[in-house]
Structures are given as structure tokens and as C-alpha cells.
Amino acid sequence: MSNTRRVKPPTRSRTAPGTSVHTIKVTLSGSKPPIWRRLQVPSGTDLRRLHDLVQAAFGWEDYHMWAFETGRERYGVTDRDLGIRDATAMRLDQIAPGVGTRFRYIYDFGDNWEHDILVEAVGDAEPGVSYPHCLTGRRAGPPEDCGGIWGYEYLVEVLTDPGHEEHEERLEWLGLDSADQFDPAAFDPAEINTALADYTAVLVHD
């Protein structure tokens, strides 16, 4: 299990190398309607930090094991038995150098939340703009430990049916007083950018 405390990265100087930015679309596999985020991320971001960014973008709590998969390689917290290599040793621009490149991020090997990541654009950072940030997206991220994408669909079904035998039990599990407090369609990019704020830096100064 990985529960590493998130630490704000050091402020970059004017001469900081690497001013390229990847625009990536991260989609939760199997979600219907789709749950996704479009992020702009410094191209030189290592995969350990990219893990932190995806966690923040979907509202995950970093309770569980995780890995990025590209071809036959897996990167995460090093685990020889699982064939997982050190995520800090590989960067986004190394595993996904160009537009159209796809790779996968898996969070919680039990619930198996699979995220498909597509590189939509690669370009220069804009002067005075802080990265990473969320451009847009759709729908709320599922709560932890609800049983993967199929479990989440069942949870939504239960909460939208006040007469369901598990309705009150699921509300209590989520810590909610009523189903009105649960909105699977909710999405607020400002909220996500607040969550990403600890990781941001200006790559190109005016």
C-alpha cells in the first residue's frame, strides 16, 4: 500500500530545464457515461509525480497500490515479484513522447480502477502559466473502496432509489445525510486545480 505524504515541489528557477507541456486525457475505463479529466502536465514529470496528479484529479486518497503500464513495462513502487519498476526513474515524455501515444494507469489492484491515458498534444509552456492544471473533464470521481467500476455503478443505482434495501446503509457508509448530497454528474475544474496547487510551478517566466 502506498500512502506517501504529498510534498510541494521546489520552486523552479528561470533557467529550469524542460519547458514542454503534455496535454493528456485521462479516462476511467468502463465508465458510462465517461468519467475523464484533461490535464496539462510538464513533459518532464516523472511517473511518481504523475501518479500524485491523477490521484488529485480524480479525488483518490492514495490508499492503495498503483502502477503505470506501457507495453510490457510496469512502473510504480518497486516490487520485483509484481514486475513493477521504480516510477521515479521514468518520465512522461519518455513513455509517451508524442501525440496519440497511449498508456494505462491502474489504481487499487483489488478494485482495479483502470485509467486510459491519451496524449492529445505536446507543446511549449505559456509564459506566466502554472503547470500542471486541469482544463476540463466530466463527472465526479468514484469514492474509494466501492468495488471498482461495476461496484460504483451499483452504488449509483442504490443511491438513486430511496426504496432500495441498501439505500440507508450506503448513505451511512459514505457519511451522507441524504442522497441529494451525492451527485455523480458533478465536476468542478476549479476544485481540481485547487487540489493540484501544491504541485504547480511556472515553467516560463514573462
N, C-alpha and C. Protein backbone atom coordinates (compact mmCIF):
# COMPACT_ATOMS: atom_id res chain seq x y z
N MET A 1 0.84 -1.18 0.00
CA MET A 1 0.00 0.00 0.00
C MET A 1 0.87 1.22 0.00
N SER A 2 0.49 2.25 -0.82
CA SER A 2 1.25 3.48 -0.86
C SER A 2 0.42 4.58 -0.25
N ASN A 3 0.95 5.25 0.78
CA ASN A 3 0.25 6.34 1.41
C ASN A 3 1.23 7.44 1.70
N THR A 4 2.06 7.74 0.70
CA THR A 4 3.12 8.71 0.86
C THR A 4 2.55 10.12 0.97
N ARG A 5 3.04 10.88 1.92
CA ARG A 5 2.58 12.26 2.08
C ARG A 5 3.02 13.08 0.90
N ARG A 6 2.10 13.86 0.35
CA ARG A 6 2.41 14.68 -0.79
C ARG A 6 3.21 15.89 -0.35
N VAL A 7 4.28 16.17 -1.04
CA VAL A 7 5.16 17.27 -0.70
C VAL A 7 5.21 18.24 -1.86
N LYS A 8 5.10 19.53 -1.56
CA LYS A 8 5.15 20.54 -2.60
C LYS A 8 6.53 20.56 -3.24
N PRO A 9 6.59 20.54 -4.57
CA PRO A 9 7.89 20.52 -5.24
C PRO A 9 8.59 21.85 -5.07
N PRO A 10 9.92 21.87 -5.19
CA PRO A 10 10.64 23.13 -5.07
C PRO A 10 10.29 24.07 -6.21
N THR A 11 10.34 25.36 -5.92
CA THR A 11 10.04 26.36 -6.94
C THR A 11 11.10 26.31 -8.03
N ARG A 12 10.66 26.34 -9.28
CA ARG A 12 11.59 26.28 -10.41
C ARG A 12 12.20 27.66 -10.65
N SER A 13 13.42 27.69 -11.07
CA SER A 13 14.09 28.95 -11.39
C SER A 13 13.82 29.33 -12.83
N ARG A 14 14.27 30.53 -13.23
CA ARG A 14 14.10 30.98 -14.61
C ARG A 14 14.86 30.08 -15.59
N THR A 15 15.89 29.44 -15.11
CA THR A 15 16.72 28.61 -16.00
C THR A 15 16.36 27.13 -15.92
N ALA A 16 15.20 26.84 -15.31
CA ALA A 16 14.80 25.45 -15.16
C ALA A 16 14.69 24.79 -16.53
N PRO A 17 15.30 23.61 -16.71
CA PRO A 17 15.22 22.92 -17.99
C PRO A 17 13.83 22.32 -18.19
N GLY A 18 13.44 22.17 -19.43
CA GLY A 18 12.18 21.49 -19.70
C GLY A 18 11.00 22.43 -19.67
N THR A 19 10.65 23.01 -20.80
CA THR A 19 9.51 23.91 -20.85
C THR A 19 8.42 23.37 -21.76
N SER A 20 8.47 22.09 -22.05
CA SER A 20 7.46 21.44 -22.86
C SER A 20 6.32 20.93 -21.97
N VAL A 21 5.11 20.94 -22.54
CA VAL A 21 3.92 20.53 -21.79
C VAL A 21 3.14 19.48 -22.58
N HIS A 22 2.74 18.42 -21.91
CA HIS A 22 1.86 17.41 -22.49
C HIS A 22 0.41 17.72 -22.10
N THR A 23 -0.48 17.67 -23.07
CA THR A 23 -1.91 17.69 -22.78
C THR A 23 -2.40 16.25 -22.85
N ILE A 24 -2.90 15.74 -21.73
CA ILE A 24 -3.32 14.34 -21.67
C ILE A 24 -4.78 14.24 -21.26
N LYS A 25 -5.47 13.27 -21.83
CA LYS A 25 -6.84 12.97 -21.42
C LYS A 25 -6.81 11.65 -20.66
N VAL A 26 -7.28 11.69 -19.42
CA VAL A 26 -7.28 10.52 -18.55
C VAL A 26 -8.72 10.08 -18.36
N THR A 27 -9.05 8.89 -18.84
CA THR A 27 -10.43 8.39 -18.80
C THR A 27 -10.51 7.14 -17.95
N LEU A 28 -11.48 7.10 -17.06
CA LEU A 28 -11.68 5.92 -16.22
C LEU A 28 -12.33 4.82 -17.07
N SER A 29 -11.59 3.75 -17.29
CA SER A 29 -12.04 2.68 -18.19
C SER A 29 -13.36 2.08 -17.74
N GLY A 30 -14.25 1.89 -18.70
CA GLY A 30 -15.53 1.24 -18.42
C GLY A 30 -16.60 2.15 -17.87
N SER A 31 -16.27 3.41 -17.63
CA SER A 31 -17.25 4.33 -17.05
C SER A 31 -18.27 4.75 -18.11
N LYS A 32 -19.55 4.66 -17.74
CA LYS A 32 -20.65 5.03 -18.63
C LYS A 32 -21.70 5.79 -17.82
N PRO A 33 -21.90 7.08 -18.08
CA PRO A 33 -21.18 7.97 -19.00
C PRO A 33 -19.70 8.09 -18.61
N PRO A 34 -18.86 8.48 -19.57
CA PRO A 34 -17.42 8.52 -19.28
C PRO A 34 -17.06 9.51 -18.18
N ILE A 35 -16.10 9.09 -17.36
CA ILE A 35 -15.52 9.95 -16.33
C ILE A 35 -14.09 10.24 -16.77
N TRP A 36 -13.78 11.53 -17.00
CA TRP A 36 -12.46 11.83 -17.55
C TRP A 36 -11.98 13.21 -17.11
N ARG A 37 -10.67 13.42 -17.28
CA ARG A 37 -10.02 14.69 -16.99
C ARG A 37 -9.04 15.02 -18.11
N ARG A 38 -9.00 16.27 -18.50
CA ARG A 38 -7.98 16.73 -19.45
C ARG A 38 -6.99 17.61 -18.67
N LEU A 39 -5.74 17.17 -18.63
CA LEU A 39 -4.72 17.84 -17.84
C LEU A 39 -3.58 18.33 -18.73
N GLN A 40 -2.99 19.44 -18.36
CA GLN A 40 -1.73 19.89 -18.96
C GLN A 40 -0.64 19.71 -17.92
N VAL A 41 0.36 18.92 -18.29
CA VAL A 41 1.38 18.47 -17.36
C VAL A 41 2.77 18.71 -17.96
N PRO A 42 3.72 19.21 -17.17
CA PRO A 42 5.09 19.34 -17.69
C PRO A 42 5.58 18.02 -18.26
N SER A 43 6.15 18.06 -19.45
CA SER A 43 6.56 16.83 -20.14
C SER A 43 7.60 16.04 -19.35
N GLY A 44 8.41 16.72 -18.57
CA GLY A 44 9.46 16.05 -17.80
C GLY A 44 8.99 15.49 -16.47
N THR A 45 7.70 15.48 -16.21
CA THR A 45 7.15 14.94 -14.96
C THR A 45 7.47 13.45 -14.84
N ASP A 46 8.05 13.05 -13.70
CA ASP A 46 8.30 11.61 -13.53
C ASP A 46 6.99 10.92 -13.16
N LEU A 47 6.96 9.60 -13.33
CA LEU A 47 5.71 8.87 -13.17
C LEU A 47 5.25 8.82 -11.71
N ARG A 48 6.16 8.96 -10.78
CA ARG A 48 5.73 9.03 -9.37
C ARG A 48 4.91 10.29 -9.14
N ARG A 49 5.36 11.41 -9.71
CA ARG A 49 4.61 12.64 -9.58
C ARG A 49 3.32 12.60 -10.40
N LEU A 50 3.36 11.97 -11.58
CA LEU A 50 2.15 11.84 -12.38
C LEU A 50 1.08 11.06 -11.62
N HIS A 51 1.50 10.06 -10.88
CA HIS A 51 0.58 9.34 -10.00
C HIS A 51 -0.11 10.30 -9.05
N ASP A 52 0.65 11.19 -8.42
CA ASP A 52 0.06 12.17 -7.50
C ASP A 52 -0.96 13.05 -8.21
N LEU A 53 -0.66 13.43 -9.44
CA LEU A 53 -1.55 14.32 -10.18
C LEU A 53 -2.86 13.64 -10.54
N VAL A 54 -2.79 12.38 -10.96
CA VAL A 54 -4.01 11.64 -11.29
C VAL A 54 -4.85 11.42 -10.03
N GLN A 55 -4.17 11.12 -8.93
CA GLN A 55 -4.88 10.97 -7.66
C GLN A 55 -5.67 12.24 -7.33
N ALA A 56 -5.01 13.39 -7.45
CA ALA A 56 -5.67 14.65 -7.13
C ALA A 56 -6.80 14.95 -8.10
N ALA A 57 -6.61 14.63 -9.37
CA ALA A 57 -7.61 14.95 -10.39
C ALA A 57 -8.89 14.14 -10.24
N PHE A 58 -8.77 12.92 -9.70
CA PHE A 58 -9.95 12.07 -9.54
C PHE A 58 -10.45 12.00 -8.11
N GLY A 59 -9.76 12.67 -7.20
CA GLY A 59 -10.19 12.65 -5.81
C GLY A 59 -9.85 11.38 -5.07
N TRP A 60 -8.90 10.59 -5.59
CA TRP A 60 -8.45 9.39 -4.88
C TRP A 60 -7.64 9.80 -3.65
N GLU A 61 -7.48 8.87 -2.72
CA GLU A 61 -6.82 9.17 -1.45
C GLU A 61 -5.46 8.51 -1.28
N ASP A 62 -4.95 7.87 -2.32
CA ASP A 62 -3.63 7.24 -2.28
C ASP A 62 -3.51 6.18 -1.19
N TYR A 63 -4.55 5.37 -1.06
CA TYR A 63 -4.56 4.32 -0.05
C TYR A 63 -3.98 3.00 -0.55
N HIS A 64 -3.91 2.83 -1.87
CA HIS A 64 -3.67 1.51 -2.42
C HIS A 64 -2.47 1.47 -3.37
N MET A 65 -2.11 0.26 -3.80
CA MET A 65 -1.04 0.07 -4.76
C MET A 65 -1.47 0.60 -6.12
N TRP A 66 -0.48 0.92 -6.94
CA TRP A 66 -0.76 1.53 -8.24
C TRP A 66 0.39 1.22 -9.19
N ALA A 67 0.13 1.40 -10.48
CA ALA A 67 1.18 1.19 -11.48
C ALA A 67 0.77 1.82 -12.80
N PHE A 68 1.76 2.30 -13.54
CA PHE A 68 1.58 2.69 -14.93
C PHE A 68 2.02 1.52 -15.80
N GLU A 69 1.29 1.27 -16.86
CA GLU A 69 1.64 0.18 -17.77
C GLU A 69 1.82 0.75 -19.17
N THR A 70 2.95 0.40 -19.77
CA THR A 70 3.22 0.79 -21.15
C THR A 70 3.89 -0.38 -21.83
N GLY A 71 3.21 -0.98 -22.77
CA GLY A 71 3.74 -2.20 -23.37
C GLY A 71 3.87 -3.29 -22.32
N ARG A 72 5.07 -3.83 -22.19
CA ARG A 72 5.31 -4.88 -21.19
C ARG A 72 5.88 -4.33 -19.89
N GLU A 73 6.10 -3.05 -19.82
CA GLU A 73 6.72 -2.45 -18.64
C GLU A 73 5.67 -1.93 -17.66
N ARG A 74 5.99 -2.05 -16.36
CA ARG A 74 5.12 -1.50 -15.32
C ARG A 74 5.98 -0.65 -14.40
N TYR A 75 5.44 0.52 -14.02
CA TYR A 75 6.18 1.45 -13.16
C TYR A 75 5.29 1.86 -11.99
N GLY A 76 5.88 1.85 -10.81
CA GLY A 76 5.15 2.25 -9.61
C GLY A 76 6.12 2.22 -8.44
N VAL A 77 5.65 1.74 -7.29
CA VAL A 77 6.54 1.49 -6.16
C VAL A 77 7.22 0.15 -6.44
N THR A 78 8.53 0.15 -6.49
CA THR A 78 9.28 -1.02 -6.93
C THR A 78 8.85 -2.30 -6.22
N ASP A 79 8.53 -3.31 -7.02
CA ASP A 79 8.13 -4.61 -6.49
C ASP A 79 8.57 -5.67 -7.50
N ARG A 80 9.65 -6.37 -7.20
CA ARG A 80 10.19 -7.35 -8.14
C ARG A 80 9.21 -8.48 -8.39
N ASP A 81 8.48 -8.92 -7.35
CA ASP A 81 7.55 -10.03 -7.52
C ASP A 81 6.43 -9.70 -8.51
N LEU A 82 6.02 -8.42 -8.53
CA LEU A 82 4.96 -8.00 -9.44
C LEU A 82 5.50 -7.40 -10.73
N GLY A 83 6.83 -7.37 -10.86
CA GLY A 83 7.43 -6.83 -12.07
C GLY A 83 7.25 -5.33 -12.22
N ILE A 84 7.20 -4.62 -11.08
CA ILE A 84 7.00 -3.18 -11.11
C ILE A 84 8.33 -2.46 -10.89
N ARG A 85 8.69 -1.60 -11.82
CA ARG A 85 9.93 -0.84 -11.74
C ARG A 85 9.68 0.51 -11.09
N ASP A 86 10.76 1.16 -10.69
CA ASP A 86 10.69 2.44 -9.97
C ASP A 86 10.11 3.54 -10.84
N ALA A 87 8.97 4.11 -10.42
CA ALA A 87 8.30 5.15 -11.19
C ALA A 87 9.08 6.45 -11.23
N THR A 88 9.94 6.68 -10.25
CA THR A 88 10.71 7.94 -10.25
C THR A 88 11.80 7.93 -11.31
N ALA A 89 12.08 6.76 -11.87
CA ALA A 89 13.16 6.64 -12.86
C ALA A 89 12.68 6.82 -14.29
N MET A 90 11.39 7.08 -14.48
CA MET A 90 10.84 7.22 -15.83
C MET A 90 9.95 8.46 -15.90
N ARG A 91 10.07 9.19 -17.01
CA ARG A 91 9.31 10.42 -17.17
C ARG A 91 8.17 10.25 -18.17
N LEU A 92 7.22 11.17 -18.11
CA LEU A 92 6.09 11.17 -19.05
C LEU A 92 6.57 11.26 -20.49
N ASP A 93 7.53 12.15 -20.77
CA ASP A 93 7.98 12.30 -22.16
C ASP A 93 8.80 11.12 -22.65
N GLN A 94 9.21 10.22 -21.75
CA GLN A 94 9.93 9.03 -22.16
C GLN A 94 8.98 7.89 -22.54
N ILE A 95 7.89 7.74 -21.78
CA ILE A 95 6.97 6.64 -22.10
C ILE A 95 5.91 7.07 -23.11
N ALA A 96 5.69 8.38 -23.23
CA ALA A 96 4.68 8.89 -24.16
C ALA A 96 5.21 10.13 -24.85
N PRO A 97 6.14 9.96 -25.79
CA PRO A 97 6.82 11.12 -26.37
C PRO A 97 5.99 11.96 -27.33
N GLY A 98 4.97 11.37 -27.96
CA GLY A 98 4.28 12.12 -29.00
C GLY A 98 2.77 12.02 -28.94
N VAL A 99 2.12 12.86 -29.72
CA VAL A 99 0.67 12.88 -29.82
C VAL A 99 0.15 11.51 -30.28
N GLY A 100 -0.92 11.06 -29.64
CA GLY A 100 -1.51 9.77 -30.00
C GLY A 100 -1.00 8.61 -29.16
N THR A 101 0.06 8.83 -28.38
CA THR A 101 0.58 7.77 -27.52
C THR A 101 -0.42 7.47 -26.41
N ARG A 102 -0.59 6.18 -26.13
CA ARG A 102 -1.50 5.75 -25.06
C ARG A 102 -0.75 4.89 -24.05
N PHE A 103 -1.14 5.01 -22.81
CA PHE A 103 -0.67 4.10 -21.78
C PHE A 103 -1.72 4.02 -20.69
N ARG A 104 -1.48 3.21 -19.68
CA ARG A 104 -2.52 2.93 -18.69
C ARG A 104 -2.01 3.16 -17.26
N TYR A 105 -2.92 3.63 -16.45
CA TYR A 105 -2.64 3.79 -15.01
C TYR A 105 -3.67 2.96 -14.25
N ILE A 106 -3.19 2.10 -13.36
CA ILE A 106 -4.08 1.26 -12.55
C ILE A 106 -3.92 1.64 -11.09
N TYR A 107 -5.05 1.88 -10.45
CA TYR A 107 -5.04 2.21 -9.02
C TYR A 107 -5.90 1.21 -8.26
N ASP A 108 -5.36 0.69 -7.18
CA ASP A 108 -6.02 -0.30 -6.32
C ASP A 108 -6.16 -1.62 -7.06
N PHE A 109 -5.21 -2.51 -6.81
CA PHE A 109 -5.19 -3.78 -7.54
C PHE A 109 -6.36 -4.69 -7.18
N GLY A 110 -7.11 -4.32 -6.13
CA GLY A 110 -8.31 -5.08 -5.78
C GLY A 110 -9.51 -4.58 -6.57
N ASP A 111 -9.84 -3.29 -6.39
CA ASP A 111 -10.96 -2.71 -7.14
C ASP A 111 -10.60 -2.51 -8.61
N ASN A 112 -9.31 -2.39 -8.89
CA ASN A 112 -8.80 -2.35 -10.27
C ASN A 112 -9.38 -1.16 -11.07
N TRP A 113 -9.12 0.04 -10.57
CA TRP A 113 -9.53 1.23 -11.31
C TRP A 113 -8.51 1.46 -12.43
N GLU A 114 -8.90 1.18 -13.65
CA GLU A 114 -8.03 1.37 -14.80
C GLU A 114 -8.31 2.71 -15.46
N HIS A 115 -7.26 3.45 -15.74
CA HIS A 115 -7.37 4.75 -16.40
C HIS A 115 -6.61 4.69 -17.72
N ASP A 116 -7.29 5.00 -18.81
CA ASP A 116 -6.64 5.08 -20.12
C ASP A 116 -6.13 6.51 -20.31
N ILE A 117 -4.86 6.66 -20.64
CA ILE A 117 -4.26 7.97 -20.79
C ILE A 117 -3.82 8.16 -22.24
N LEU A 118 -4.30 9.22 -22.85
CA LEU A 118 -4.00 9.54 -24.24
C LEU A 118 -3.31 10.90 -24.31
N VAL A 119 -2.18 10.95 -25.02
CA VAL A 119 -1.50 12.23 -25.25
C VAL A 119 -2.20 12.92 -26.42
N GLU A 120 -2.84 14.06 -26.15
CA GLU A 120 -3.57 14.79 -27.18
C GLU A 120 -2.74 15.88 -27.84
N ALA A 121 -1.75 16.41 -27.12
CA ALA A 121 -0.92 17.48 -27.67
C ALA A 121 0.37 17.58 -26.87
N VAL A 122 1.41 18.07 -27.53
CA VAL A 122 2.68 18.36 -26.89
C VAL A 122 3.13 19.73 -27.43
N GLY A 123 3.40 20.65 -26.52
CA GLY A 123 3.79 21.98 -26.97
C GLY A 123 4.56 22.73 -25.91
N ASP A 124 4.90 23.97 -26.23
CA ASP A 124 5.66 24.81 -25.31
C ASP A 124 4.75 25.36 -24.22
N ALA A 125 5.32 25.49 -23.02
CA ALA A 125 4.60 26.12 -21.92
C ALA A 125 4.39 27.59 -22.23
N GLU A 126 3.28 28.13 -21.74
CA GLU A 126 3.00 29.55 -21.94
C GLU A 126 3.64 30.38 -20.83
N PRO A 127 4.17 31.55 -21.16
CA PRO A 127 4.79 32.41 -20.14
C PRO A 127 3.80 32.79 -19.05
N GLY A 128 4.26 32.66 -17.81
CA GLY A 128 3.45 33.06 -16.67
C GLY A 128 2.37 32.09 -16.25
N VAL A 129 2.22 30.97 -16.97
CA VAL A 129 1.18 30.00 -16.65
C VAL A 129 1.75 28.90 -15.76
N SER A 130 1.01 28.54 -14.72
CA SER A 130 1.44 27.48 -13.82
C SER A 130 0.96 26.11 -14.31
N TYR A 131 1.83 25.14 -14.21
CA TYR A 131 1.52 23.76 -14.58
C TYR A 131 1.90 22.85 -13.43
N PRO A 132 1.17 21.72 -13.26
CA PRO A 132 0.06 21.22 -14.07
C PRO A 132 -1.25 21.93 -13.74
N HIS A 133 -2.23 21.78 -14.63
CA HIS A 133 -3.58 22.22 -14.34
C HIS A 133 -4.58 21.42 -15.14
N CYS A 134 -5.80 21.46 -14.66
CA CYS A 134 -6.91 20.74 -15.31
C CYS A 134 -7.63 21.72 -16.23
N LEU A 135 -7.79 21.35 -17.49
CA LEU A 135 -8.50 22.18 -18.45
C LEU A 135 -10.00 21.95 -18.37
N THR A 136 -10.39 20.69 -18.36
CA THR A 136 -11.80 20.34 -18.32
C THR A 136 -11.93 18.87 -17.94
N GLY A 137 -13.14 18.37 -17.96
CA GLY A 137 -13.38 16.98 -17.60
C GLY A 137 -14.86 16.70 -17.55
N ARG A 138 -15.19 15.56 -17.00
CA ARG A 138 -16.61 15.21 -16.89
C ARG A 138 -16.84 14.27 -15.72
N ARG A 139 -17.82 14.57 -14.94
CA ARG A 139 -18.37 13.74 -13.87
C ARG A 139 -17.41 13.59 -12.67
N ALA A 140 -18.03 13.29 -11.54
CA ALA A 140 -17.30 13.14 -10.29
C ALA A 140 -16.50 11.84 -10.26
N GLY A 141 -15.41 11.83 -9.55
CA GLY A 141 -14.65 10.61 -9.36
C GLY A 141 -15.35 9.71 -8.36
N PRO A 142 -15.33 8.40 -8.57
CA PRO A 142 -15.97 7.46 -7.63
C PRO A 142 -15.29 7.48 -6.26
N PRO A 143 -16.01 7.11 -5.21
CA PRO A 143 -15.39 7.02 -3.88
C PRO A 143 -14.49 5.80 -3.78
N GLU A 144 -13.52 5.89 -2.90
CA GLU A 144 -12.62 4.76 -2.65
C GLU A 144 -13.40 3.51 -2.21
N ASP A 145 -12.85 2.36 -2.55
CA ASP A 145 -13.29 1.08 -1.99
C ASP A 145 -14.77 0.73 -2.24
N CYS A 146 -15.31 1.20 -3.37
CA CYS A 146 -16.71 0.89 -3.65
C CYS A 146 -16.85 -0.31 -4.58
N GLY A 147 -15.73 -0.96 -4.92
CA GLY A 147 -15.82 -2.20 -5.69
C GLY A 147 -15.51 -2.06 -7.17
N GLY A 148 -14.72 -1.06 -7.53
CA GLY A 148 -14.37 -0.89 -8.93
C GLY A 148 -15.51 -0.27 -9.72
N ILE A 149 -15.36 -0.21 -11.04
CA ILE A 149 -16.34 0.50 -11.86
C ILE A 149 -17.72 -0.14 -11.78
N TRP A 150 -17.79 -1.47 -11.69
CA TRP A 150 -19.09 -2.13 -11.61
C TRP A 150 -19.71 -1.88 -10.24
N GLY A 151 -18.90 -1.88 -9.20
CA GLY A 151 -19.40 -1.56 -7.87
C GLY A 151 -19.90 -0.13 -7.77
N TYR A 152 -19.23 0.76 -8.49
CA TYR A 152 -19.66 2.15 -8.48
C TYR A 152 -21.01 2.32 -9.18
N GLU A 153 -21.19 1.63 -10.29
CA GLU A 153 -22.47 1.69 -10.99
C GLU A 153 -23.60 1.18 -10.09
N TYR A 154 -23.31 0.14 -9.32
CA TYR A 154 -24.32 -0.39 -8.40
C TYR A 154 -24.59 0.62 -7.29
N LEU A 155 -23.53 1.27 -6.80
CA LEU A 155 -23.69 2.28 -5.75
C LEU A 155 -24.60 3.41 -6.23
N VAL A 156 -24.38 3.89 -7.45
CA VAL A 156 -25.22 4.96 -8.01
C VAL A 156 -26.67 4.49 -8.11
N GLU A 157 -26.85 3.25 -8.53
CA GLU A 157 -28.21 2.69 -8.64
C GLU A 157 -28.90 2.67 -7.28
N VAL A 158 -28.17 2.25 -6.26
CA VAL A 158 -28.75 2.18 -4.91
C VAL A 158 -29.12 3.56 -4.39
N LEU A 159 -28.24 4.53 -4.60
CA LEU A 159 -28.46 5.86 -4.04
C LEU A 159 -29.57 6.62 -4.76
N THR A 160 -29.83 6.27 -6.01
CA THR A 160 -30.91 6.94 -6.74
C THR A 160 -32.27 6.28 -6.52
N ASP A 161 -32.29 5.23 -5.70
CA ASP A 161 -33.55 4.53 -5.41
C ASP A 161 -33.78 4.53 -3.89
N PRO A 162 -34.55 5.49 -3.38
CA PRO A 162 -34.79 5.57 -1.93
C PRO A 162 -35.41 4.31 -1.36
N GLY A 163 -36.08 3.51 -2.21
CA GLY A 163 -36.72 2.30 -1.72
C GLY A 163 -35.81 1.09 -1.70
N HIS A 164 -34.58 1.24 -2.17
CA HIS A 164 -33.66 0.10 -2.22
C HIS A 164 -33.28 -0.31 -0.80
N GLU A 165 -33.19 -1.62 -0.59
CA GLU A 165 -32.92 -2.13 0.76
C GLU A 165 -31.57 -1.71 1.31
N GLU A 166 -30.63 -1.34 0.43
CA GLU A 166 -29.31 -0.92 0.88
C GLU A 166 -29.12 0.60 0.89
N HIS A 167 -30.19 1.32 0.59
CA HIS A 167 -30.08 2.77 0.43
C HIS A 167 -29.51 3.46 1.67
N GLU A 168 -30.11 3.22 2.81
CA GLU A 168 -29.67 3.87 4.05
C GLU A 168 -28.27 3.41 4.44
N GLU A 169 -28.00 2.13 4.24
CA GLU A 169 -26.68 1.58 4.59
C GLU A 169 -25.58 2.25 3.77
N ARG A 170 -25.82 2.46 2.49
CA ARG A 170 -24.81 3.09 1.63
C ARG A 170 -24.65 4.57 1.96
N LEU A 171 -25.73 5.25 2.30
CA LEU A 171 -25.61 6.63 2.73
C LEU A 171 -24.73 6.74 3.97
N GLU A 172 -24.96 5.84 4.90
CA GLU A 172 -24.16 5.85 6.13
C GLU A 172 -22.70 5.57 5.83
N TRP A 173 -22.44 4.63 4.92
CA TRP A 173 -21.06 4.29 4.53
C TRP A 173 -20.34 5.50 3.94
N LEU A 174 -21.06 6.30 3.17
CA LEU A 174 -20.48 7.49 2.56
C LEU A 174 -20.45 8.69 3.51
N GLY A 175 -21.12 8.56 4.65
CA GLY A 175 -21.16 9.67 5.59
C GLY A 175 -22.09 10.78 5.13
N LEU A 176 -23.16 10.43 4.41
CA LEU A 176 -24.09 11.41 3.89
C LEU A 176 -25.42 11.34 4.64
N ASP A 177 -26.07 12.49 4.74
CA ASP A 177 -27.38 12.54 5.38
C ASP A 177 -28.50 12.21 4.40
N SER A 178 -28.29 12.54 3.13
CA SER A 178 -29.30 12.24 2.12
C SER A 178 -28.63 12.04 0.77
N ALA A 179 -29.36 11.41 -0.15
CA ALA A 179 -28.82 11.14 -1.48
C ALA A 179 -28.62 12.42 -2.27
N ASP A 180 -29.28 13.50 -1.86
CA ASP A 180 -29.11 14.79 -2.55
C ASP A 180 -27.68 15.30 -2.45
N GLN A 181 -26.94 14.82 -1.47
CA GLN A 181 -25.55 15.25 -1.28
C GLN A 181 -24.59 14.49 -2.19
N PHE A 182 -25.11 13.51 -2.91
CA PHE A 182 -24.29 12.70 -3.81
C PHE A 182 -24.69 13.00 -5.24
N ASP A 183 -23.79 13.57 -6.02
CA ASP A 183 -24.08 13.93 -7.41
C ASP A 183 -23.00 13.38 -8.32
N PRO A 184 -23.23 12.21 -8.94
CA PRO A 184 -22.21 11.61 -9.81
C PRO A 184 -21.90 12.44 -11.04
N ALA A 185 -22.76 13.40 -11.40
CA ALA A 185 -22.53 14.24 -12.58
C ALA A 185 -21.72 15.48 -12.26
N ALA A 186 -21.43 15.71 -10.99
CA ALA A 186 -20.73 16.94 -10.59
C ALA A 186 -19.29 16.96 -11.10
N PHE A 187 -18.89 18.12 -11.60
CA PHE A 187 -17.50 18.31 -12.00
C PHE A 187 -17.16 19.79 -11.87
N ASP A 188 -16.09 20.09 -11.16
CA ASP A 188 -15.67 21.47 -10.95
C ASP A 188 -14.16 21.57 -11.18
N PRO A 189 -13.72 22.09 -12.34
CA PRO A 189 -12.29 22.18 -12.61
C PRO A 189 -11.55 23.04 -11.59
N ALA A 190 -12.22 24.06 -11.04
CA ALA A 190 -11.57 24.91 -10.04
C ALA A 190 -11.21 24.10 -8.80
N GLU A 191 -12.09 23.18 -8.42
CA GLU A 191 -11.83 22.33 -7.27
C GLU A 191 -10.62 21.42 -7.53
N ILE A 192 -10.55 20.89 -8.74
CA ILE A 192 -9.41 20.02 -9.08
C ILE A 192 -8.12 20.83 -9.12
N ASN A 193 -8.17 22.03 -9.66
CA ASN A 193 -6.96 22.85 -9.72
C ASN A 193 -6.50 23.27 -8.33
N THR A 194 -7.43 23.42 -7.41
CA THR A 194 -7.04 23.67 -6.02
C THR A 194 -6.30 22.46 -5.46
N ALA A 195 -6.78 21.25 -5.79
CA ALA A 195 -6.12 20.03 -5.35
C ALA A 195 -4.74 19.87 -5.97
N LEU A 196 -4.57 20.42 -7.18
CA LEU A 196 -3.28 20.31 -7.88
C LEU A 196 -2.31 21.42 -7.49
N ALA A 197 -2.77 22.40 -6.74
CA ALA A 197 -1.99 23.61 -6.49
C ALA A 197 -0.64 23.34 -5.84
N ASP A 198 -0.56 22.32 -5.00
CA ASP A 198 0.71 22.02 -4.32
C ASP A 198 1.80 21.55 -5.28
N TYR A 199 1.43 21.20 -6.51
CA TYR A 199 2.38 20.66 -7.46
C TYR A 199 2.73 21.64 -8.58
N THR A 200 2.14 22.82 -8.56
CA THR A 200 2.28 23.71 -9.70
C THR A 200 3.56 24.56 -9.66
N ALA A 201 4.02 24.93 -10.84
CA ALA A 201 5.15 25.82 -10.99
C ALA A 201 5.05 26.50 -12.35
N VAL A 202 5.59 27.71 -12.44
CA VAL A 202 5.66 28.43 -13.72
C VAL A 202 6.92 27.96 -14.44
N LEU A 203 6.75 27.41 -15.64
CA LEU A 203 7.90 26.88 -16.39
C LEU A 203 8.61 27.95 -17.19
N VAL A 204 7.84 28.93 -17.68
CA VAL A 204 8.41 30.02 -18.47
C VAL A 204 7.97 31.35 -17.87
N HIS A 205 8.91 32.16 -17.44
CA HIS A 205 8.59 33.43 -16.81
C HIS A 205 8.49 34.53 -17.86
N ASP A 206 7.62 35.49 -17.59
CA ASP A 206 7.47 36.63 -18.50
C ASP A 206 8.75 37.45 -18.57
